[in-house]
Protein backbone atom coordinates (compact mmCIF):
# COMPACT_ATOMS: atom_id res chain seq x y z
CA MET A 1 -15.31 8.31 7.13
CA GLY A 2 -13.97 5.50 9.28
CA ALA A 3 -14.24 1.84 8.34
CA ALA A 4 -17.13 1.08 10.65
CA GLY A 5 -19.14 3.98 9.27
CA ALA A 6 -18.29 3.22 5.69
CA LEU A 7 -19.27 -0.40 6.05
CA GLY A 8 -22.40 0.33 8.05
CA LEU A 9 -21.35 -2.13 10.71
CA SER A 10 -22.90 -2.71 14.10
CA GLY A 11 -23.18 -5.59 16.50
CA ARG A 12 -26.33 -6.67 14.69
CA TRP A 13 -25.10 -6.98 11.13
CA THR A 14 -22.52 -9.39 9.73
CA LEU A 15 -19.95 -8.10 7.27
CA ALA A 16 -21.64 -9.65 4.25
CA GLU A 17 -25.01 -8.20 5.30
CA ALA A 18 -23.40 -4.77 5.50
CA VAL A 19 -22.49 -5.02 1.80
CA GLY A 20 -26.10 -5.45 0.73
CA ARG A 21 -28.67 -6.22 3.39
CA ALA A 22 -31.52 -6.65 0.97
CA ALA A 23 -29.51 -8.50 -1.65
CA THR A 24 -28.49 -12.11 -1.85
CA VAL A 25 -24.84 -11.86 -0.79
CA GLN A 26 -22.55 -14.74 0.01
CA PRO A 27 -21.13 -14.34 3.54
CA LEU A 28 -17.63 -13.04 4.01
CA THR A 29 -15.59 -15.84 5.54
CA PRO A 30 -12.61 -14.84 7.66
CA VAL A 31 -11.91 -17.24 10.50
CA PHE A 32 -13.27 -15.08 13.29
CA ASP A 33 -13.82 -18.02 15.59
CA ARG A 34 -10.03 -17.95 16.13
CA LEU A 35 -10.01 -14.33 17.28
CA PRO A 36 -10.05 -15.00 21.06
CA SER A 37 -7.11 -17.40 20.97
CA LEU A 38 -5.14 -15.06 18.74
CA LEU A 39 -5.69 -12.14 21.08
CA ALA A 40 -4.62 -14.26 24.03
CA ALA A 41 -1.41 -15.31 22.26
CA ALA A 42 -0.66 -11.72 21.30
CA ALA A 43 -1.24 -10.57 24.87
CA ARG A 44 1.19 -13.17 26.21
CA ALA A 45 3.79 -12.22 23.61
CA GLN A 46 3.50 -8.55 24.57
CA GLN A 47 3.33 -9.31 28.32
CA SER A 48 0.36 -6.98 28.59
CA PRO A 49 -1.21 -7.56 32.05
CA GLY A 50 -4.04 -5.18 31.20
CA LEU A 51 -5.25 -7.38 28.31
CA ALA A 52 -4.64 -10.96 29.38
CA PRO A 53 -7.22 -11.12 32.22
CA TRP A 54 -10.00 -10.17 29.81
CA LEU A 55 -9.41 -13.17 27.58
CA THR A 56 -11.21 -15.66 29.76
CA ALA A 57 -14.80 -16.86 29.67
CA GLY A 58 -17.11 -13.94 29.04
CA THR A 59 -14.40 -11.77 27.45
CA ASP A 60 -15.59 -8.71 25.57
CA HIS A 61 -13.60 -9.45 22.41
CA ASN A 62 -14.27 -6.06 20.84
CA LEU A 63 -12.75 -4.38 23.89
CA ALA A 64 -9.80 -6.78 23.84
CA ALA A 65 -9.23 -6.14 20.14
CA ARG A 66 -9.38 -2.39 20.67
CA ASP A 67 -6.83 -2.52 23.50
CA LEU A 68 -4.50 -4.73 21.50
CA LEU A 69 -4.69 -2.40 18.51
CA ASP A 70 -3.81 0.51 20.77
CA ASP A 71 -0.47 -1.23 21.35
CA TRP A 72 0.18 -2.16 17.72
CA ASP A 73 1.68 0.16 15.16
CA THR A 74 -0.72 -1.12 12.53
CA HIS A 75 0.56 1.22 9.87
CA LEU A 76 3.76 -0.82 9.95
CA HIS A 77 1.82 -4.08 10.29
CA PRO A 78 -0.71 -4.25 7.44
CA LEU A 79 -2.96 -7.15 6.57
CA VAL A 80 -2.38 -10.05 4.21
CA ILE A 81 -5.71 -11.71 3.46
CA THR A 82 -5.61 -15.16 1.84
CA LEU A 83 -8.39 -16.68 -0.24
CA GLY A 84 -7.99 -20.25 -1.43
CA ARG A 85 -5.79 -23.18 -0.53
CA ALA A 86 -2.73 -22.13 -2.52
CA ALA A 87 -2.81 -18.66 -0.96
CA GLU A 88 -3.20 -20.11 2.54
CA ARG A 89 -0.21 -22.40 2.06
CA ILE A 90 1.93 -19.37 1.21
CA LEU A 91 0.74 -17.52 4.32
CA ASP A 92 1.45 -20.57 6.50
CA ARG A 93 5.15 -20.48 5.60
CA LEU A 94 5.58 -16.71 5.85
CA PRO A 95 6.23 -16.39 9.62
CA GLU A 96 9.46 -18.36 9.15
CA ARG A 97 10.67 -15.85 6.56
CA ILE A 98 9.21 -12.43 7.28
CA ALA A 99 7.64 -10.63 10.24
CA ILE A 100 3.88 -10.46 9.70
CA PRO A 101 1.06 -9.41 12.04
CA ALA A 102 -0.41 -12.29 14.02
CA ASP A 103 -3.94 -11.63 12.82
CA CYS A 104 -3.05 -12.12 9.14
CA ALA A 105 -3.77 -15.79 9.70
CA LEU A 106 -7.38 -15.02 10.61
CA TYR A 107 -8.60 -13.88 7.23
CA ARG A 108 -9.16 -16.89 4.98
CA THR A 109 -11.89 -18.65 3.06
CA GLY A 110 -14.50 -20.98 4.44
CA SER A 111 -15.33 -20.64 8.11
CA THR A 112 -17.92 -19.28 10.50
CA GLN A 113 -18.14 -15.78 11.95
CA GLY A 114 -19.61 -14.27 15.08
CA HIS A 115 -21.45 -11.01 15.60
CA HIS A 116 -18.37 -9.54 17.29
CA ALA A 117 -16.37 -10.00 14.08
CA ALA A 118 -17.66 -6.98 12.20
CA GLU A 119 -16.47 -4.35 14.66
CA ALA A 120 -13.15 -6.08 15.24
CA LEU A 121 -12.33 -6.09 11.52
CA ALA A 122 -13.70 -2.58 10.97
CA LEU A 123 -11.44 -1.29 13.76
CA ARG A 124 -8.46 -3.12 12.29
CA LEU A 125 -9.04 -1.72 8.81
CA ASP A 126 -9.65 1.76 10.17
CA ARG A 127 -6.05 1.76 11.43
CA CYS A 128 -4.49 -0.15 8.56
CA ALA A 129 -2.38 1.64 5.96
CA SER A 130 -2.14 -1.19 3.43
CA THR A 131 -3.57 -4.61 2.59
CA LEU A 132 -2.69 -7.38 0.19
CA LEU A 133 -5.37 -9.81 -0.98
CA LEU A 134 -3.87 -13.14 -2.16
CA ILE A 135 -6.32 -15.06 -4.35
CA ASP A 136 -6.13 -18.63 -5.61
CA PRO A 137 -8.20 -18.47 -8.85
CA SER A 138 -8.60 -22.25 -8.98
CA ASP A 139 -10.63 -22.19 -5.74
CA ALA A 140 -14.34 -21.51 -6.31
CA ARG A 141 -14.89 -20.09 -2.82
CA ALA A 142 -11.90 -17.78 -3.23
CA ARG A 143 -13.32 -16.43 -6.49
CA ARG A 144 -16.67 -15.91 -4.77
CA ASP A 145 -15.21 -14.19 -1.69
CA ALA A 146 -12.68 -11.98 -3.50
CA PRO A 147 -15.15 -9.35 -4.80
CA ILE A 148 -16.79 -9.13 -1.35
CA TRP A 149 -13.44 -8.57 0.35
CA ASN A 150 -12.47 -6.11 -2.36
CA ARG A 151 -15.57 -4.00 -1.70
CA HIS A 152 -14.86 -3.99 2.04
CA LEU A 153 -11.26 -2.91 1.53
CA ALA A 154 -12.34 -0.15 -0.85
CA ALA A 155 -14.98 1.07 1.62
CA SER A 156 -12.48 1.07 4.48
CA GLU A 157 -10.29 3.57 2.61
CA VAL A 158 -7.05 1.64 3.18
CA TYR A 159 -4.37 3.82 1.59
CA LEU A 160 -2.53 1.15 -0.39
CA ARG A 161 -4.33 -2.04 -1.39
CA ALA A 162 -3.75 -4.58 -4.11
CA ALA A 163 -5.13 -7.97 -5.12
CA VAL A 164 -2.57 -10.57 -6.19
CA VAL A 165 -3.97 -13.43 -8.28
CA LEU A 166 -1.79 -16.54 -8.06
CA ASP A 167 -1.03 -18.81 -11.01
CA THR A 168 -2.87 -16.67 -13.54
CA PRO A 169 -3.83 -18.74 -16.62
CA ALA A 170 -1.85 -18.05 -19.79
CA GLU A 171 -4.99 -16.78 -21.48
CA GLY A 172 -5.51 -14.30 -18.65
CA LEU A 173 -8.26 -13.85 -16.08
CA ASP A 174 -11.94 -14.19 -16.81
CA PRO A 175 -12.85 -10.59 -17.75
CA ASP A 176 -16.22 -10.64 -15.97
CA TRP A 177 -14.65 -11.83 -12.72
CA ARG A 178 -11.69 -9.46 -13.12
CA ALA A 179 -14.13 -6.57 -13.44
CA THR A 180 -15.43 -7.29 -9.93
CA LEU A 181 -12.00 -6.51 -8.43
CA ASP A 182 -11.84 -2.75 -8.24
CA GLY A 183 -8.37 -1.33 -7.81
CA PRO A 184 -4.87 -2.67 -8.57
CA VAL A 185 -4.74 -6.35 -9.52
CA ILE A 186 -1.36 -8.06 -9.95
CA GLU A 187 -1.34 -11.26 -11.98
CA ILE A 188 1.24 -13.91 -11.12
CA GLY A 189 2.16 -16.12 -14.05
CA ARG A 190 5.35 -17.95 -13.11
CA ALA A 191 8.60 -17.28 -11.34
CA CYS A 192 11.82 -17.54 -13.30
CA GLY A 193 14.23 -20.44 -12.99
CA ALA A 194 13.99 -22.50 -9.81
CA LEU A 195 11.88 -19.99 -7.87
CA ASP A 196 8.32 -20.99 -7.05
CA THR A 197 5.21 -18.85 -6.57
CA ALA A 198 5.67 -18.74 -2.80
CA ALA A 199 9.20 -17.37 -3.17
CA LEU A 200 7.85 -14.80 -5.62
CA ILE A 201 5.24 -13.58 -3.13
CA GLU A 202 7.78 -13.50 -0.30
CA ALA A 203 10.00 -11.29 -2.45
CA MET A 204 7.11 -8.87 -3.03
CA LEU A 205 6.05 -8.45 0.59
CA PRO A 206 8.84 -6.28 2.03
CA GLY A 207 7.97 -3.58 -0.48
CA LEU A 208 4.29 -4.33 -0.96
CA PRO A 209 2.77 -3.85 1.52
CA PHE A 210 5.19 -4.10 4.48
CA PHE A 211 7.70 -1.35 3.61
CA GLN A 212 10.50 -2.87 5.64
CA PRO A 213 13.78 -0.95 6.07
CA ALA A 214 15.47 -0.53 2.72
CA MET A 215 18.85 0.74 1.56
CA ILE A 216 17.02 3.34 -0.56
CA CYS A 217 13.75 4.87 0.65
CA CYS A 218 10.54 3.18 -0.47
CA ASP A 219 7.76 5.77 -0.61
CA PRO A 220 4.20 4.36 -0.41
CA VAL A 221 3.00 7.32 -2.50
CA ASP A 222 5.24 6.23 -5.39
CA VAL A 223 4.13 2.61 -5.06
CA ARG A 224 0.49 3.61 -5.16
CA THR A 225 1.03 5.92 -8.14
CA ILE A 226 2.77 3.23 -10.19
CA LEU A 227 0.15 0.59 -9.37
CA ALA A 228 -2.56 3.02 -10.50
CA SER A 229 -0.80 3.86 -13.78
CA GLY A 230 -2.50 1.11 -15.78
CA PRO A 231 -5.35 -1.41 -15.67
CA ARG A 232 -3.16 -4.52 -15.66
CA ALA A 233 -0.12 -5.49 -13.61
CA ARG A 234 1.93 -8.66 -13.93
CA ALA A 235 4.78 -9.89 -11.75
CA THR A 236 7.61 -12.40 -11.68
CA ALA A 237 10.78 -12.99 -9.68
CA VAL A 238 14.30 -13.99 -10.69
CA ARG A 239 17.43 -14.99 -8.75
CA TRP A 240 21.14 -14.76 -9.50
CA THR A 241 24.31 -15.36 -7.52
CA GLY A 242 27.00 -13.28 -9.21
CA PRO A 243 27.34 -10.00 -11.15
CA GLU A 244 28.07 -11.89 -14.38
CA GLU A 245 24.54 -13.35 -14.23
CA CYS A 246 22.75 -10.04 -13.74
CA THR A 247 22.20 -9.12 -17.42
CA ALA A 248 20.73 -12.50 -18.35
CA ALA A 249 18.55 -12.58 -15.23
CA THR A 250 17.24 -9.09 -15.97
CA ALA A 251 16.39 -10.10 -19.53
CA GLU A 252 14.54 -13.16 -18.25
CA ALA A 253 12.52 -11.13 -15.76
CA CYS A 254 11.49 -8.63 -18.43
CA ALA A 255 10.79 -11.13 -21.23
CA ASP A 256 7.16 -11.95 -20.43
CA LEU A 257 6.23 -8.68 -18.73
CA VAL A 258 7.49 -5.68 -20.68
CA SER A 259 5.67 -4.40 -23.75
CA THR A 260 5.32 -1.10 -25.59
CA ARG A 261 2.27 -0.44 -23.40
CA SER A 262 4.16 -0.69 -20.09
CA ARG A 263 3.67 2.42 -17.97
CA GLY A 264 5.39 1.69 -14.66
CA ALA A 265 7.47 -0.93 -12.88
CA LEU A 266 8.23 -1.92 -9.29
CA GLY A 267 11.39 -3.80 -8.39
CA TRP A 268 12.12 -5.17 -4.92
CA LEU A 269 15.73 -6.37 -4.84
CA HIS A 270 16.82 -8.67 -1.99
CA THR A 271 20.57 -8.71 -1.46
CA ASP A 272 23.30 -9.76 0.94
CA LEU A 273 24.99 -7.10 3.08
CA TYR A 274 27.69 -6.41 0.49
CA PHE A 275 25.37 -4.68 -1.95
CA THR A 276 26.57 -1.26 -3.19
CA ILE A 277 24.90 1.77 -4.69
CA ASP A 278 26.97 1.21 -7.86
CA GLU A 279 25.38 -2.21 -8.28
CA TRP A 280 21.95 -0.63 -7.81
CA ASP A 281 22.80 1.89 -10.53
CA VAL A 282 23.84 -0.85 -12.97
CA LEU A 283 20.65 -2.82 -12.38
CA ASN A 284 18.50 0.30 -12.59
CA THR A 285 20.09 1.07 -15.99
CA LEU A 286 19.54 -2.48 -17.27
CA LEU A 287 15.86 -2.39 -16.35
CA THR A 288 15.34 1.13 -17.68
CA GLU A 289 16.83 0.14 -21.05
CA ARG A 290 14.27 -2.65 -21.39
CA LEU A 291 11.29 -0.49 -20.46
CA PRO A 292 9.59 1.91 -22.89
CA PRO A 293 10.68 5.57 -22.68
CA ASN A 294 9.05 7.63 -19.93
CA THR A 295 8.12 4.50 -17.93
CA ASP A 296 8.31 5.10 -14.19
CA LEU A 297 10.59 2.63 -12.39
CA LEU A 298 10.94 2.23 -8.63
CA LEU A 299 13.84 -0.08 -7.70
CA VAL A 300 14.37 -0.65 -3.97
CA PRO A 301 17.10 -2.86 -2.42
CA PHE A 302 16.45 -4.74 0.82
CA PRO A 303 19.71 -5.96 2.45
CA ASP A 304 19.33 -9.28 4.25
CA SER A 305 22.00 -10.92 6.41
CA THR A 306 20.59 -14.40 5.66
CA ARG A 307 21.33 -14.14 1.92
CA GLY A 308 24.33 -15.98 0.56
CA HIS A 309 27.30 -13.99 -0.71
CA GLY A 310 26.39 -12.43 -4.06
CA GLU A 311 22.81 -13.71 -3.95
CA ARG A 312 20.17 -11.44 -5.45
CA VAL A 313 16.42 -12.00 -5.76
CA LEU A 314 14.44 -9.48 -7.80
CA SER A 315 10.66 -9.24 -7.55
CA PHE A 316 9.57 -7.36 -10.68
CA THR A 317 6.06 -6.01 -11.35
CA VAL A 318 5.16 -4.20 -14.57
CA VAL A 319 1.98 -2.12 -14.92
CA GLY A 320 0.41 -1.37 -18.28
CA ASP A 321 -2.59 -1.87 -20.58
């Protein structure tokens, strides 16, 4: 079933009403009032003469969105949805560091929506292979909106989806609220050393969900399998600048994450262009030695010409009980 059918959407119903028309449901709050200007900017960037003339007064925005999506390879351009101020600040700085779809900036907390919004989003999700929901747990509206978004993403049958909860309290998430987030939830405690939460998220994105070109193949099936291997996932990131620092950095990354109940791990390693397969093998061995036996590990290097010589940044996510 496509997203529109699964969500029960039409021009009459808003997204929140589609979740439970008879129930008292807080409205879903992506910034759909920005959709026309975003489509216009995308049309200019793509130099699409067939789309630009429609984006004037009286534009059929559903038709414009459909035409634009026909030109996008949306399987390679998934959605990042941000809920809460801390999450939005991270998204605001991303375009300077990583290629993200223009409409990622639309989906945030706290704004109005029009009747055209439901079909536009349903169409987008129907063609989307993966989504990442960034949640600021200190923001009351973000906590309220997160379960609604989560239900929509589940109903849309996006292949790979995960919720990332920023700055997770040391005592963990509220269990009642956590139970409302069906599917993989990754808790972010702290980054190691001088890295901040934004740098941690940026290190996660090339592998989850953007699947950018890697030195070793990153299979979405493996990512999905590891994320589904346990009810709790936690993540951190660590940086080092020389091979002599690798062992200590690996130990620091594993210290707060790995336990005897760990079932799987995802490592996205950002390197300069001088990275070798031998170095990957050494790091893979170091991580494997710190994980329990029979734990699945996916370690993927992403070469980056902007990295300093010898610089390595490892985003590390461990899934377990």
